[in-house]
Protein backbone atom coordinates (compact mmCIF):
# COMPACT_ATOMS: atom_id res chain seq x y z
CA MET A 1 83.67 232.51 66.10
CA ALA A 2 83.09 229.59 68.40
CA HIS A 3 84.92 229.54 71.71
CA PHE A 4 85.81 225.87 71.36
CA LYS A 5 87.77 225.34 68.14
CA PRO A 6 89.22 222.20 66.59
CA LEU A 7 92.95 221.86 67.20
CA GLY A 8 93.78 222.15 63.48
CA LYS A 9 91.96 225.46 63.13
CA LYS A 10 93.57 226.79 66.30
CA LEU A 11 97.03 225.89 64.98
CA ARG A 12 96.32 227.58 61.64
CA LEU A 13 95.13 230.74 63.42
CA ALA A 14 98.28 230.76 65.57
CA ALA A 15 100.45 230.37 62.46
CA ALA A 16 98.61 233.28 60.83
CA VAL A 17 99.28 235.47 63.89
CA ARG A 18 102.99 234.59 63.82
CA SER A 19 103.29 235.20 60.08
CA ASN A 20 101.72 238.65 60.45
CA GLU A 21 104.59 239.98 62.60
CA GLN A 22 107.18 242.30 61.16
CA VAL A 23 110.57 241.25 59.83
CA PRO A 24 113.15 240.89 62.65
CA ILE A 25 115.80 243.60 62.98
CA TRP A 26 118.66 241.14 62.50
CA VAL A 27 117.25 240.09 59.11
CA ILE A 28 117.08 243.72 57.97
CA SER A 29 120.67 244.33 59.07
CA LYS A 30 121.95 241.06 57.60
CA THR A 31 120.44 241.83 54.17
CA LEU A 32 121.62 245.47 54.39
CA GLY A 33 118.06 246.79 54.25
CA LYS A 34 117.02 244.94 51.08
CA VAL A 35 114.47 242.89 52.99
CA ARG A 36 112.62 245.50 54.99
CA ARG A 37 108.98 244.53 55.03
CA LYS A 38 106.59 241.83 53.95
CA PRO A 39 102.90 241.84 53.08
CA ARG A 40 100.91 242.53 56.22
CA ARG A 41 97.36 241.32 56.78
CA ASN A 42 94.80 243.39 58.65
CA TRP A 43 92.05 241.48 60.43
CA ARG A 44 89.39 243.93 59.26
CA ARG A 45 90.42 244.53 55.65
CA SER A 46 91.11 241.01 54.42
CA ARG A 47 89.72 237.65 55.40
CA MET A 48 91.88 234.56 55.78
CA GLN A 49 91.19 231.42 53.78
CA LEU A 50 90.79 228.88 56.60
């Protein structure tokens, strides 16, 4: 990927990185363990639609 990216693409990549993090501990405790995980994306296995 190019070193110099358009700002829109850089923002979408940053949002994808943030959305790939795990569910916070306080959310798990607040929902009494019902919300424990969410679909994770691996950079090798699946490509993003950008």
